[in-house]
Full PDB file with SEQRES, HELIX, SHEET, SSBOND, CRYST1, ORIGX, SCALE, CONECT and MASTER records, all heavy atoms in Angstrom:
SEQRES   1 A   35  GLU ARG LYS GLU GLN ARG LYS ALA ALA LYS ARG ALA ALA          
SEQRES   2 A   35  ALA HIS ALA GLU ALA ASP ALA PHE ASP GLU PRO TYR ASP          
SEQRES   3 A   35  ASP GLU LEU ASP ASP ASP LEU LEU HIS                          
HELIX    1 AA1 ARG A    2  ALA A   20  1                                  19    
HELIX    2 AA2 ASP A   27  LEU A   34  1                                   8    
CRYST1    1.000    1.000    1.000  90.00  90.00  90.00 P 1           1          
ORIGX1      1.000000  0.000000  0.000000        0.00000                         
ORIGX2      0.000000  1.000000  0.000000        0.00000                         
ORIGX3      0.000000  0.000000  1.000000        0.00000                         
SCALE1      1.000000  0.000000  0.000000        0.00000                         
SCALE2      0.000000  1.000000  0.000000        0.00000                         
SCALE3      0.000000  0.000000  1.000000        0.00000                         
ATOM      1  N   GLU A   1     -17.376  24.716 -14.294  1.00  0.00           N  
ATOM      2  CA  GLU A   1     -15.971  24.723 -14.115  1.00  0.00           C  
ATOM      3  C   GLU A   1     -15.519  23.496 -13.153  1.00  0.00           C  
ATOM      4  O   GLU A   1     -14.442  22.925 -13.539  1.00  0.00           O  
ATOM      5  CB  GLU A   1     -15.564  26.083 -13.279  1.00  0.00           C  
ATOM      6  CG  GLU A   1     -15.587  27.324 -14.113  1.00  0.00           C  
ATOM      7  CD  GLU A   1     -15.356  28.526 -13.336  1.00  0.00           C  
ATOM      8  OE1 GLU A   1     -15.207  28.436 -12.068  1.00  0.00           O  
ATOM      9  OE2 GLU A   1     -15.291  29.647 -13.831  1.00  0.00           O  
ATOM     10  N   ARG A   2     -16.307  23.095 -12.288  1.00  0.00           N  
ATOM     11  CA  ARG A   2     -15.918  21.915 -11.599  1.00  0.00           C  
ATOM     12  C   ARG A   2     -16.019  20.633 -12.402  1.00  0.00           C  
ATOM     13  O   ARG A   2     -15.145  19.781 -12.325  1.00  0.00           O  
ATOM     14  CB  ARG A   2     -16.987  21.689 -10.317  1.00  0.00           C  
ATOM     15  CG  ARG A   2     -16.687  22.695  -9.089  1.00  0.00           C  
ATOM     16  CD  ARG A   2     -17.526  22.316  -7.999  1.00  0.00           C  
ATOM     17  NE  ARG A   2     -18.894  22.294  -8.176  1.00  0.00           N  
ATOM     18  CZ  ARG A   2     -19.721  23.273  -7.753  1.00  0.00           C  
ATOM     19  NH1 ARG A   2     -19.167  24.312  -7.208  1.00  0.00           N  
ATOM     20  NH2 ARG A   2     -21.005  23.190  -8.098  1.00  0.00           N  
ATOM     21  N   LYS A   3     -17.015  20.620 -13.267  1.00  0.00           N  
ATOM     22  CA  LYS A   3     -17.044  19.495 -14.245  1.00  0.00           C  
ATOM     23  C   LYS A   3     -15.812  19.412 -15.118  1.00  0.00           C  
ATOM     24  O   LYS A   3     -15.236  18.287 -15.401  1.00  0.00           O  
ATOM     25  CB  LYS A   3     -18.401  19.657 -15.064  1.00  0.00           C  
ATOM     26  CG  LYS A   3     -18.664  18.430 -15.810  1.00  0.00           C  
ATOM     27  CD  LYS A   3     -20.034  18.612 -16.610  1.00  0.00           C  
ATOM     28  CE  LYS A   3     -20.482  17.475 -17.365  1.00  0.00           C  
ATOM     29  NZ  LYS A   3     -21.677  17.672 -18.032  1.00  0.00           N  
ATOM     30  N   GLU A   4     -15.481  20.643 -15.642  1.00  0.00           N  
ATOM     31  CA  GLU A   4     -14.263  20.659 -16.407  1.00  0.00           C  
ATOM     32  C   GLU A   4     -13.037  20.250 -15.587  1.00  0.00           C  
ATOM     33  O   GLU A   4     -12.148  19.530 -16.160  1.00  0.00           O  
ATOM     34  CB  GLU A   4     -14.042  22.125 -16.957  1.00  0.00           C  
ATOM     35  CG  GLU A   4     -15.169  22.491 -18.097  1.00  0.00           C  
ATOM     36  CD  GLU A   4     -14.981  21.651 -19.338  1.00  0.00           C  
ATOM     37  OE1 GLU A   4     -13.881  21.236 -19.718  1.00  0.00           O  
ATOM     38  OE2 GLU A   4     -16.043  21.297 -19.798  1.00  0.00           O  
ATOM     39  N   GLN A   5     -12.983  20.603 -14.402  1.00  0.00           N  
ATOM     40  CA  GLN A   5     -11.812  20.209 -13.599  1.00  0.00           C  
ATOM     41  C   GLN A   5     -11.787  18.683 -13.337  1.00  0.00           C  
ATOM     42  O   GLN A   5     -10.677  18.119 -13.380  1.00  0.00           O  
ATOM     43  CB  GLN A   5     -11.813  20.959 -12.237  1.00  0.00           C  
ATOM     44  CG  GLN A   5     -11.465  22.394 -12.319  1.00  0.00           C  
ATOM     45  CD  GLN A   5     -11.687  23.172 -10.925  1.00  0.00           C  
ATOM     46  OE1 GLN A   5     -12.290  22.594 -10.017  1.00  0.00           O  
ATOM     47  NE2 GLN A   5     -11.285  24.464 -10.926  1.00  0.00           N  
ATOM     48  N   ARG A   6     -13.050  18.133 -13.104  1.00  0.00           N  
ATOM     49  CA  ARG A   6     -13.058  16.610 -13.012  1.00  0.00           C  
ATOM     50  C   ARG A   6     -12.546  15.982 -14.291  1.00  0.00           C  
ATOM     51  O   ARG A   6     -11.930  15.001 -14.223  1.00  0.00           O  
ATOM     52  CB  ARG A   6     -14.441  16.244 -12.540  1.00  0.00           C  
ATOM     53  CG  ARG A   6     -14.807  16.456 -11.139  1.00  0.00           C  
ATOM     54  CD  ARG A   6     -16.046  15.801 -10.719  1.00  0.00           C  
ATOM     55  NE  ARG A   6     -17.222  16.240 -11.347  1.00  0.00           N  
ATOM     56  CZ  ARG A   6     -18.074  17.156 -11.015  1.00  0.00           C  
ATOM     57  NH1 ARG A   6     -17.992  17.705  -9.744  1.00  0.00           N  
ATOM     58  NH2 ARG A   6     -19.133  17.494 -11.748  1.00  0.00           N  
ATOM     59  N   LYS A   7     -13.045  16.524 -15.325  1.00  0.00           N  
ATOM     60  CA  LYS A   7     -12.617  15.874 -16.671  1.00  0.00           C  
ATOM     61  C   LYS A   7     -11.183  16.066 -16.829  1.00  0.00           C  
ATOM     62  O   LYS A   7     -10.497  15.093 -17.227  1.00  0.00           O  
ATOM     63  CB  LYS A   7     -13.380  16.625 -17.835  1.00  0.00           C  
ATOM     64  CG  LYS A   7     -14.765  16.323 -18.014  1.00  0.00           C  
ATOM     65  CD  LYS A   7     -15.240  17.029 -19.293  1.00  0.00           C  
ATOM     66  CE  LYS A   7     -16.779  16.813 -19.266  1.00  0.00           C  
ATOM     67  NZ  LYS A   7     -17.332  17.513 -20.587  1.00  0.00           N  
ATOM     68  N   ALA A   8     -10.574  17.174 -16.516  1.00  0.00           N  
ATOM     69  CA  ALA A   8      -9.112  17.365 -16.653  1.00  0.00           C  
ATOM     70  C   ALA A   8      -8.453  16.396 -15.813  1.00  0.00           C  
ATOM     71  O   ALA A   8      -7.358  15.836 -16.092  1.00  0.00           O  
ATOM     72  CB  ALA A   8      -8.770  18.814 -16.344  1.00  0.00           C  
ATOM     73  N   ALA A   9      -8.865  16.163 -14.580  1.00  0.00           N  
ATOM     74  CA  ALA A   9      -8.286  15.287 -13.510  1.00  0.00           C  
ATOM     75  C   ALA A   9      -8.336  13.904 -14.045  1.00  0.00           C  
ATOM     76  O   ALA A   9      -7.335  13.087 -13.989  1.00  0.00           O  
ATOM     77  CB  ALA A   9      -8.949  15.344 -12.151  1.00  0.00           C  
ATOM     78  N   LYS A  10      -9.516  13.457 -14.702  1.00  0.00           N  
ATOM     79  CA  LYS A  10      -9.675  12.177 -15.237  1.00  0.00           C  
ATOM     80  C   LYS A  10      -8.634  11.958 -16.427  1.00  0.00           C  
ATOM     81  O   LYS A  10      -8.068  10.953 -16.653  1.00  0.00           O  
ATOM     82  CB  LYS A  10     -11.103  11.873 -15.753  1.00  0.00           C  
ATOM     83  CG  LYS A  10     -11.950  11.685 -14.560  1.00  0.00           C  
ATOM     84  CD  LYS A  10     -13.386  11.293 -15.023  1.00  0.00           C  
ATOM     85  CE  LYS A  10     -14.332  11.055 -13.981  1.00  0.00           C  
ATOM     86  NZ  LYS A  10     -15.721  10.703 -14.469  1.00  0.00           N  
ATOM     87  N   ARG A  11      -8.556  12.987 -17.252  1.00  0.00           N  
ATOM     88  CA  ARG A  11      -7.651  12.872 -18.327  1.00  0.00           C  
ATOM     89  C   ARG A  11      -6.114  12.689 -17.837  1.00  0.00           C  
ATOM     90  O   ARG A  11      -5.407  11.990 -18.392  1.00  0.00           O  
ATOM     91  CB  ARG A  11      -7.753  14.124 -19.299  1.00  0.00           C  
ATOM     92  CG  ARG A  11      -8.894  14.069 -20.192  1.00  0.00           C  
ATOM     93  CD  ARG A  11      -8.878  15.234 -21.101  1.00  0.00           C  
ATOM     94  NE  ARG A  11     -10.034  15.250 -21.946  1.00  0.00           N  
ATOM     95  CZ  ARG A  11     -10.947  16.266 -22.022  1.00  0.00           C  
ATOM     96  NH1 ARG A  11     -10.576  17.418 -21.469  1.00  0.00           N  
ATOM     97  NH2 ARG A  11     -11.836  16.290 -22.820  1.00  0.00           N  
ATOM     98  N   ALA A  12      -5.877  13.597 -16.817  1.00  0.00           N  
ATOM     99  CA  ALA A  12      -4.479  13.538 -16.270  1.00  0.00           C  
ATOM    100  C   ALA A  12      -4.263  12.074 -15.785  1.00  0.00           C  
ATOM    101  O   ALA A  12      -3.107  11.573 -15.841  1.00  0.00           O  
ATOM    102  CB  ALA A  12      -4.384  14.619 -15.184  1.00  0.00           C  
ATOM    103  N   ALA A  13      -5.286  11.518 -15.047  1.00  0.00           N  
ATOM    104  CA  ALA A  13      -5.127  10.157 -14.483  1.00  0.00           C  
ATOM    105  C   ALA A  13      -4.931   9.219 -15.613  1.00  0.00           C  
ATOM    106  O   ALA A  13      -4.079   8.229 -15.523  1.00  0.00           O  
ATOM    107  CB  ALA A  13      -6.277   9.855 -13.624  1.00  0.00           C  
ATOM    108  N   ALA A  14      -5.650   9.244 -16.736  1.00  0.00           N  
ATOM    109  CA  ALA A  14      -5.553   8.405 -17.780  1.00  0.00           C  
ATOM    110  C   ALA A  14      -4.241   8.509 -18.492  1.00  0.00           C  
ATOM    111  O   ALA A  14      -3.677   7.453 -18.807  1.00  0.00           O  
ATOM    112  CB  ALA A  14      -6.681   8.648 -18.801  1.00  0.00           C  
ATOM    113  N   HIS A  15      -3.782   9.662 -18.584  1.00  0.00           N  
ATOM    114  CA  HIS A  15      -2.453   9.856 -19.159  1.00  0.00           C  
ATOM    115  C   HIS A  15      -1.382   9.205 -18.216  1.00  0.00           C  
ATOM    116  O   HIS A  15      -0.376   8.579 -18.764  1.00  0.00           O  
ATOM    117  CB  HIS A  15      -2.011  11.367 -19.344  1.00  0.00           C  
ATOM    118  CG  HIS A  15      -2.719  12.080 -20.566  1.00  0.00           C  
ATOM    119  ND1 HIS A  15      -2.329  11.703 -21.793  1.00  0.00           N  
ATOM    120  CD2 HIS A  15      -3.657  13.074 -20.559  1.00  0.00           C  
ATOM    121  CE1 HIS A  15      -2.969  12.395 -22.579  1.00  0.00           C  
ATOM    122  NE2 HIS A  15      -3.837  13.326 -21.962  1.00  0.00           N  
ATOM    123  N   ALA A  16      -1.427   9.427 -16.957  1.00  0.00           N  
ATOM    124  CA  ALA A  16      -0.478   8.882 -16.040  1.00  0.00           C  
ATOM    125  C   ALA A  16      -0.542   7.305 -16.083  1.00  0.00           C  
ATOM    126  O   ALA A  16       0.425   6.666 -15.942  1.00  0.00           O  
ATOM    127  CB  ALA A  16      -0.764   9.398 -14.666  1.00  0.00           C  
ATOM    128  N   GLU A  17      -1.788   6.809 -16.137  1.00  0.00           N  
ATOM    129  CA  GLU A  17      -1.927   5.403 -16.269  1.00  0.00           C  
ATOM    130  C   GLU A  17      -1.287   4.783 -17.519  1.00  0.00           C  
ATOM    131  O   GLU A  17      -0.672   3.802 -17.487  1.00  0.00           O  
ATOM    132  CB  GLU A  17      -3.359   5.050 -16.194  1.00  0.00           C  
ATOM    133  CG  GLU A  17      -3.669   3.518 -15.913  1.00  0.00           C  
ATOM    134  CD  GLU A  17      -5.145   3.231 -15.734  1.00  0.00           C  
ATOM    135  OE1 GLU A  17      -5.898   4.108 -15.193  1.00  0.00           O  
ATOM    136  OE2 GLU A  17      -5.687   2.361 -16.527  1.00  0.00           O  
ATOM    137  N   ALA A  18      -1.561   5.550 -18.657  1.00  0.00           N  
ATOM    138  CA  ALA A  18      -0.956   5.127 -19.948  1.00  0.00           C  
ATOM    139  C   ALA A  18       0.615   5.308 -19.890  1.00  0.00           C  
ATOM    140  O   ALA A  18       1.263   4.364 -20.306  1.00  0.00           O  
ATOM    141  CB  ALA A  18      -1.530   5.993 -21.044  1.00  0.00           C  
ATOM    142  N   ASP A  19       1.065   6.288 -19.202  1.00  0.00           N  
ATOM    143  CA  ASP A  19       2.508   6.373 -19.081  1.00  0.00           C  
ATOM    144  C   ASP A  19       3.066   5.248 -18.241  1.00  0.00           C  
ATOM    145  O   ASP A  19       4.281   4.809 -18.473  1.00  0.00           O  
ATOM    146  CB  ASP A  19       2.859   7.698 -18.543  1.00  0.00           C  
ATOM    147  CG  ASP A  19       2.661   8.906 -19.502  1.00  0.00           C  
ATOM    148  OD1 ASP A  19       2.503   8.634 -20.724  1.00  0.00           O  
ATOM    149  OD2 ASP A  19       2.596  10.073 -19.067  1.00  0.00           O  
ATOM    150  N   ALA A  20       2.314   4.895 -17.172  1.00  0.00           N  
ATOM    151  CA  ALA A  20       2.780   3.820 -16.259  1.00  0.00           C  
ATOM    152  C   ALA A  20       2.986   2.612 -17.036  1.00  0.00           C  
ATOM    153  O   ALA A  20       3.914   1.681 -16.809  1.00  0.00           O  
ATOM    154  CB  ALA A  20       1.830   3.656 -15.144  1.00  0.00           C  
ATOM    155  N   PHE A  21       2.132   2.168 -18.070  1.00  0.00           N  
ATOM    156  CA  PHE A  21       2.282   0.976 -18.809  1.00  0.00           C  
ATOM    157  C   PHE A  21       3.064   1.177 -20.144  1.00  0.00           C  
ATOM    158  O   PHE A  21       3.165   0.208 -20.871  1.00  0.00           O  
ATOM    159  CB  PHE A  21       0.849   0.438 -19.130  1.00  0.00           C  
ATOM    160  CG  PHE A  21       0.152   0.100 -17.957  1.00  0.00           C  
ATOM    161  CD1 PHE A  21      -1.015   0.734 -17.408  1.00  0.00           C  
ATOM    162  CD2 PHE A  21       0.540  -1.146 -17.227  1.00  0.00           C  
ATOM    163  CE1 PHE A  21      -1.618   0.291 -16.363  1.00  0.00           C  
ATOM    164  CE2 PHE A  21      -0.182  -1.590 -16.121  1.00  0.00           C  
ATOM    165  CZ  PHE A  21      -1.185  -0.861 -15.590  1.00  0.00           C  
ATOM    166  N   ASP A  22       3.574   2.312 -20.418  1.00  0.00           N  
ATOM    167  CA  ASP A  22       4.274   2.577 -21.607  1.00  0.00           C  
ATOM    168  C   ASP A  22       3.472   2.335 -22.787  1.00  0.00           C  
ATOM    169  O   ASP A  22       3.996   1.812 -23.884  1.00  0.00           O  
ATOM    170  CB  ASP A  22       5.622   1.843 -21.655  1.00  0.00           C  
ATOM    171  CG  ASP A  22       6.687   2.394 -20.578  1.00  0.00           C  
ATOM    172  OD1 ASP A  22       6.543   3.590 -20.261  1.00  0.00           O  
ATOM    173  OD2 ASP A  22       7.432   1.586 -20.117  1.00  0.00           O  
ATOM    174  N   GLU A  23       2.235   2.642 -22.714  1.00  0.00           N  
ATOM    175  CA  GLU A  23       1.325   2.431 -23.931  1.00  0.00           C  
ATOM    176  C   GLU A  23       1.116   3.767 -24.572  1.00  0.00           C  
ATOM    177  O   GLU A  23       1.159   4.770 -23.943  1.00  0.00           O  
ATOM    178  CB  GLU A  23      -0.010   1.835 -23.500  1.00  0.00           C  
ATOM    179  CG  GLU A  23       0.130   0.553 -22.866  1.00  0.00           C  
ATOM    180  CD  GLU A  23      -1.281  -0.006 -22.466  1.00  0.00           C  
ATOM    181  OE1 GLU A  23      -2.249   0.641 -22.612  1.00  0.00           O  
ATOM    182  OE2 GLU A  23      -1.255  -1.159 -21.904  1.00  0.00           O  
ATOM    183  N   PRO A  24       0.827   3.811 -25.898  1.00  0.00           N  
ATOM    184  CA  PRO A  24       0.461   5.102 -26.520  1.00  0.00           C  
ATOM    185  C   PRO A  24      -0.919   5.525 -26.016  1.00  0.00           C  
ATOM    186  O   PRO A  24      -1.792   4.643 -25.769  1.00  0.00           O  
ATOM    187  CB  PRO A  24       0.457   4.728 -27.990  1.00  0.00           C  
ATOM    188  CG  PRO A  24       0.284   3.294 -28.119  1.00  0.00           C  
ATOM    189  CD  PRO A  24       0.918   2.611 -26.796  1.00  0.00           C  
ATOM    190  N   TYR A  25      -1.020   6.759 -25.863  1.00  0.00           N  
ATOM    191  CA  TYR A  25      -2.310   7.305 -25.270  1.00  0.00           C  
ATOM    192  C   TYR A  25      -3.341   7.257 -26.319  1.00  0.00           C  
ATOM    193  O   TYR A  25      -3.183   7.651 -27.510  1.00  0.00           O  
ATOM    194  CB  TYR A  25      -2.037   8.707 -24.781  1.00  0.00           C  
ATOM    195  CG  TYR A  25      -3.283   9.283 -24.143  1.00  0.00           C  
ATOM    196  CD1 TYR A  25      -3.718   8.898 -22.952  1.00  0.00           C  
ATOM    197  CD2 TYR A  25      -4.102  10.231 -24.826  1.00  0.00           C  
ATOM    198  CE1 TYR A  25      -4.877   9.428 -22.359  1.00  0.00           C  
ATOM    199  CE2 TYR A  25      -5.158  10.767 -24.204  1.00  0.00           C  
ATOM    200  CZ  TYR A  25      -5.569  10.408 -22.993  1.00  0.00           C  
ATOM    201  OH  TYR A  25      -6.670  10.910 -22.497  1.00  0.00           O  
ATOM    202  N   ASP A  26      -4.543   6.925 -25.973  1.00  0.00           N  
ATOM    203  CA  ASP A  26      -5.712   6.700 -26.967  1.00  0.00           C  
ATOM    204  C   ASP A  26      -6.851   7.672 -26.476  1.00  0.00           C  
ATOM    205  O   ASP A  26      -7.311   7.526 -25.507  1.00  0.00           O  
ATOM    206  CB  ASP A  26      -6.239   5.425 -26.899  1.00  0.00           C  
ATOM    207  CG  ASP A  26      -7.346   5.134 -27.943  1.00  0.00           C  
ATOM    208  OD1 ASP A  26      -7.514   5.983 -28.852  1.00  0.00           O  
ATOM    209  OD2 ASP A  26      -7.976   4.040 -27.866  1.00  0.00           O  
ATOM    210  N   ASP A  27      -7.083   8.721 -27.331  1.00  0.00           N  
ATOM    211  CA  ASP A  27      -8.138   9.815 -27.023  1.00  0.00           C  
ATOM    212  C   ASP A  27      -9.408   9.153 -26.923  1.00  0.00           C  
ATOM    213  O   ASP A  27     -10.391   9.488 -26.113  1.00  0.00           O  
ATOM    214  CB  ASP A  27      -8.173  10.904 -27.991  1.00  0.00           C  
ATOM    215  CG  ASP A  27      -6.943  11.915 -27.922  1.00  0.00           C  
ATOM    216  OD1 ASP A  27      -6.434  11.881 -26.701  1.00  0.00           O  
ATOM    217  OD2 ASP A  27      -6.581  12.479 -28.766  1.00  0.00           O  
ATOM    218  N   GLU A  28      -9.763   8.057 -27.592  1.00  0.00           N  
ATOM    219  CA  GLU A  28     -11.031   7.448 -27.591  1.00  0.00           C  
ATOM    220  C   GLU A  28     -11.246   6.831 -26.290  1.00  0.00           C  
ATOM    221  O   GLU A  28     -12.357   6.774 -25.665  1.00  0.00           O  
ATOM    222  CB  GLU A  28     -11.161   6.345 -28.720  1.00  0.00           C  
ATOM    223  CG  GLU A  28     -11.299   6.984 -30.028  1.00  0.00           C  
ATOM    224  CD  GLU A  28     -11.497   5.927 -31.143  1.00  0.00           C  
ATOM    225  OE1 GLU A  28     -11.735   4.691 -30.843  1.00  0.00           O  
ATOM    226  OE2 GLU A  28     -11.295   6.411 -32.368  1.00  0.00           O  
ATOM    227  N   LEU A  29     -10.249   6.234 -25.669  1.00  0.00           N  
ATOM    228  CA  LEU A  29     -10.281   5.681 -24.329  1.00  0.00           C  
ATOM    229  C   LEU A  29     -10.589   6.742 -23.270  1.00  0.00           C  
ATOM    230  O   LEU A  29     -11.341   6.575 -22.423  1.00  0.00           O  
ATOM    231  CB  LEU A  29      -8.896   4.984 -23.910  1.00  0.00           C  
ATOM    232  CG  LEU A  29      -8.845   4.408 -22.562  1.00  0.00           C  
ATOM    233  CD1 LEU A  29      -9.863   3.252 -22.552  1.00  0.00           C  
ATOM    234  CD2 LEU A  29      -7.409   3.806 -22.290  1.00  0.00           C  
ATOM    235  N   ASP A  30      -9.993   7.925 -23.543  1.00  0.00           N  
ATOM    236  CA  ASP A  30     -10.224   9.054 -22.656  1.00  0.00           C  
ATOM    237  C   ASP A  30     -11.775   9.451 -22.703  1.00  0.00           C  
ATOM    238  O   ASP A  30     -12.352   9.615 -21.666  1.00  0.00           O  
ATOM    239  CB  ASP A  30      -9.418  10.329 -23.113  1.00  0.00           C  
ATOM    240  CG  ASP A  30      -9.274  11.277 -22.064  1.00  0.00           C  
ATOM    241  OD1 ASP A  30      -9.490  10.988 -20.858  1.00  0.00           O  
ATOM    242  OD2 ASP A  30      -8.939  12.508 -22.433  1.00  0.00           O  
ATOM    243  N   ASP A  31     -12.377   9.502 -23.829  1.00  0.00           N  
ATOM    244  CA  ASP A  31     -13.798   9.766 -24.033  1.00  0.00           C  
ATOM    245  C   ASP A  31     -14.620   8.695 -23.308  1.00  0.00           C  
ATOM    246  O   ASP A  31     -15.626   9.084 -22.644  1.00  0.00           O  
ATOM    247  CB  ASP A  31     -14.174   9.910 -25.496  1.00  0.00           C  
ATOM    248  CG  ASP A  31     -13.677  11.226 -26.087  1.00  0.00           C  
ATOM    249  OD1 ASP A  31     -13.255  12.044 -25.296  1.00  0.00           O  
ATOM    250  OD2 ASP A  31     -13.443  11.166 -27.359  1.00  0.00           O  
ATOM    251  N   ASP A  32     -14.234   7.476 -23.384  1.00  0.00           N  
ATOM    252  CA  ASP A  32     -15.018   6.367 -22.784  1.00  0.00           C  
ATOM    253  C   ASP A  32     -14.926   6.632 -21.291  1.00  0.00           C  
ATOM    254  O   ASP A  32     -15.919   6.378 -20.520  1.00  0.00           O  
ATOM    255  CB  ASP A  32     -14.406   5.016 -23.144  1.00  0.00           C  
ATOM    256  CG  ASP A  32     -14.701   4.662 -24.622  1.00  0.00           C  
ATOM    257  OD1 ASP A  32     -15.644   5.368 -25.023  1.00  0.00           O  
ATOM    258  OD2 ASP A  32     -14.072   3.726 -25.200  1.00  0.00           O  
ATOM    259  N   LEU A  33     -13.816   6.920 -20.780  1.00  0.00           N  
ATOM    260  CA  LEU A  33     -13.700   7.100 -19.258  1.00  0.00           C  
ATOM    261  C   LEU A  33     -14.556   8.310 -18.768  1.00  0.00           C  
ATOM    262  O   LEU A  33     -15.150   8.247 -17.743  1.00  0.00           O  
ATOM    263  CB  LEU A  33     -12.248   7.405 -18.939  1.00  0.00           C  
ATOM    264  CG  LEU A  33     -11.310   6.186 -18.903  1.00  0.00           C  
ATOM    265  CD1 LEU A  33      -9.843   6.688 -18.634  1.00  0.00           C  
ATOM    266  CD2 LEU A  33     -11.741   5.151 -17.871  1.00  0.00           C  
ATOM    267  N   LEU A  34     -14.677   9.244 -19.625  1.00  0.00           N  
ATOM    268  CA  LEU A  34     -15.426  10.521 -19.285  1.00  0.00           C  
ATOM    269  C   LEU A  34     -16.890  10.149 -19.216  1.00  0.00           C  
ATOM    270  O   LEU A  34     -17.713  10.764 -18.472  1.00  0.00           O  
ATOM    271  CB  LEU A  34     -15.172  11.668 -20.104  1.00  0.00           C  
ATOM    272  CG  LEU A  34     -13.722  12.193 -20.029  1.00  0.00           C  
ATOM    273  CD1 LEU A  34     -13.542  13.405 -21.073  1.00  0.00           C  
ATOM    274  CD2 LEU A  34     -13.545  12.811 -18.675  1.00  0.00           C  
ATOM    275  N   HIS A  35     -17.390   9.338 -20.109  1.00  0.00           N  
ATOM    276  CA  HIS A  35     -18.771   9.040 -20.159  1.00  0.00           C  
ATOM    277  C   HIS A  35     -19.284   7.988 -19.111  1.00  0.00           C  
ATOM    278  O   HIS A  35     -20.440   7.946 -18.773  1.00  0.00           O  
ATOM    279  CB  HIS A  35     -19.196   8.568 -21.536  1.00  0.00           C  
ATOM    280  CG  HIS A  35     -19.088   9.643 -22.639  1.00  0.00           C  
ATOM    281  ND1 HIS A  35     -19.714  10.778 -22.421  1.00  0.00           N  
ATOM    282  CD2 HIS A  35     -18.255   9.744 -23.633  1.00  0.00           C  
ATOM    283  CE1 HIS A  35     -19.405  11.659 -23.498  1.00  0.00           C  
ATOM    284  NE2 HIS A  35     -18.516  10.989 -24.232  1.00  0.00           N  
TER     285      HIS A  35                                                      
MASTER        0    0    0    2    0    0    0    6  284    1    0    3          
END                                                                             
């Protein structure tokens, strides 16, 4: 559960970062960040 929460937080941060730059969100980038 903690691992899933960290992943969700990283995804939320990646979404927020993508929104800040007005770029389309890339799921592959999300997977790279998680690994």
